[in-house]
Amino acid sequence: MSKLVFALVTLSVLTIVTSCAKLPRHFASQNASRVITAGTPGHNESASSININTASTAELEKLPGIGKVLAERIVAHREQHGSFRRPEHLLMVRGISDRKFRQISSMVTVE
């Protein structure tokens, strides 16, 4: 009986973890359409892009709509959970809404 409970709990935890890591489908379609309409590779990576995996709070504050508190949350999230694998993972930071992410998405990069 205890093995069955353990298996169910493990399965539940894995399901929750994997569902949290997935992003909404509309981000994939937005990024695909942006690349197609841009017509140039690397459109989102300009010379002034900020690498969210290495940027300090002062650098993050240069992004529109990102103040001191939100910049500190981004850095704290990065330190607690590791590097961002995709810019869209900023949405996991409390205070980064879908709208705010769309405003800054062309100015951020991950390396």
Protein backbone atom coordinates (compact mmCIF):
# COMPACT_ATOMS: atom_id res chain seq x y z
CA MET A 1 0.00 0.00 0.00
CA SER A 2 2.79 2.44 0.89
CA LYS A 3 4.51 1.75 -2.45
CA LEU A 4 1.31 2.66 -4.27
CA VAL A 5 0.96 5.90 -2.32
CA PHE A 6 4.62 6.72 -2.97
CA ALA A 7 4.18 6.07 -6.69
CA LEU A 8 1.08 8.26 -6.87
CA VAL A 9 2.75 11.10 -4.99
CA THR A 10 5.83 10.88 -7.21
CA LEU A 11 3.71 10.88 -10.33
CA SER A 12 1.73 13.88 -9.07
CA VAL A 13 4.88 15.85 -8.29
CA LEU A 14 6.38 15.10 -11.70
CA THR A 15 3.17 16.15 -13.42
CA ILE A 16 3.08 19.44 -11.54
CA VAL A 17 6.76 20.18 -12.21
CA THR A 18 6.53 19.48 -15.93
CA SER A 19 3.31 21.46 -16.33
CA CYS A 20 4.91 24.47 -14.63
CA ALA A 21 7.85 24.38 -17.02
CA LYS A 22 5.66 24.55 -20.14
CA LEU A 23 4.82 27.88 -21.67
CA PRO A 24 1.54 28.82 -23.26
CA ARG A 25 1.29 27.93 -26.94
CA HIS A 26 0.59 31.49 -28.03
CA PHE A 27 4.22 32.46 -27.31
CA ALA A 28 5.51 30.04 -29.89
CA SER A 29 3.11 31.38 -32.51
CA GLN A 30 3.91 35.01 -31.66
CA ASN A 31 7.65 34.42 -31.92
CA ALA A 32 7.27 32.48 -35.17
CA SER A 33 5.19 35.23 -36.78
CA ARG A 34 7.61 37.90 -35.60
CA VAL A 35 10.56 36.08 -37.17
CA ILE A 36 8.67 35.55 -40.42
CA THR A 37 7.59 39.19 -40.67
CA ALA A 38 11.00 40.52 -39.68
CA GLY A 39 12.67 38.84 -42.62
CA THR A 40 16.11 38.95 -41.02
CA PRO A 41 17.69 36.34 -38.79
CA GLY A 42 18.54 37.54 -35.30
CA HIS A 43 15.92 40.29 -35.39
CA ASN A 44 15.34 40.03 -31.65
CA GLU A 45 19.03 40.18 -30.81
CA SER A 46 20.20 43.71 -31.37
CA ALA A 47 23.50 45.20 -30.28
CA SER A 48 21.78 46.70 -27.24
CA SER A 49 20.20 43.43 -26.05
CA ILE A 50 20.55 42.69 -22.36
CA ASN A 51 21.54 39.16 -21.41
CA ILE A 52 19.16 38.37 -18.56
CA ASN A 53 21.50 35.64 -17.29
CA THR A 54 24.38 38.00 -16.61
CA ALA A 55 22.79 41.44 -16.23
CA SER A 56 23.01 43.27 -12.93
CA THR A 57 20.01 44.93 -11.35
CA ALA A 58 21.20 48.29 -12.69
CA GLU A 59 21.33 46.91 -16.23
CA LEU A 60 17.90 45.30 -15.92
CA GLU A 61 16.44 48.61 -14.72
CA LYS A 62 17.26 50.09 -18.14
CA LEU A 63 14.46 47.97 -19.62
CA PRO A 64 11.12 49.77 -19.91
CA GLY A 65 8.77 48.96 -17.06
CA ILE A 66 11.48 47.24 -14.99
CA GLY A 67 12.16 49.07 -11.76
CA LYS A 68 14.46 48.31 -8.87
CA VAL A 69 12.13 45.78 -7.19
CA LEU A 70 11.39 43.85 -10.37
CA ALA A 71 15.07 43.81 -11.35
CA GLU A 72 15.91 42.39 -7.92
CA ARG A 73 13.23 39.71 -8.37
CA ILE A 74 14.72 38.72 -11.74
CA VAL A 75 18.20 38.38 -10.22
CA ALA A 76 16.85 36.49 -7.20
CA HIS A 77 14.91 34.10 -9.46
CA ARG A 78 18.04 33.51 -11.53
CA GLU A 79 20.11 32.82 -8.42
CA GLN A 80 17.51 30.50 -6.91
CA HIS A 81 16.51 28.54 -10.03
CA GLY A 82 19.55 28.88 -12.29
CA SER A 83 19.97 30.56 -15.66
CA PHE A 84 17.02 31.35 -17.88
CA ARG A 85 16.98 29.01 -20.87
CA ARG A 86 14.69 31.22 -22.96
CA PRO A 87 13.63 34.86 -22.66
CA GLU A 88 10.04 33.65 -22.19
CA HIS A 89 11.03 32.16 -18.85
CA LEU A 90 10.94 35.70 -17.45
CA LEU A 91 7.20 35.11 -17.20
CA MET A 92 7.90 32.89 -14.20
CA VAL A 93 9.13 35.94 -12.26
CA ARG A 94 6.39 37.48 -10.15
CA GLY A 95 5.49 40.87 -11.64
CA ILE A 96 6.41 40.06 -15.25
CA SER A 97 3.07 39.97 -17.04
CA ASP A 98 2.41 38.86 -20.57
CA ARG A 99 2.08 42.50 -21.60
CA LYS A 100 5.31 43.60 -19.89
CA PHE A 101 7.19 40.68 -21.44
CA ARG A 102 6.01 41.65 -24.92
CA GLN A 103 7.31 45.18 -24.31
CA ILE A 104 10.82 44.00 -23.44
CA SER A 105 11.12 40.76 -25.43
CA SER A 106 13.02 42.35 -28.30
CA MET A 107 15.53 43.88 -25.85
CA VAL A 108 16.47 40.75 -23.91
CA THR A 109 18.49 37.70 -24.77
CA VAL A 110 19.89 34.60 -23.07
CA GLU A 111 23.31 33.18 -23.73
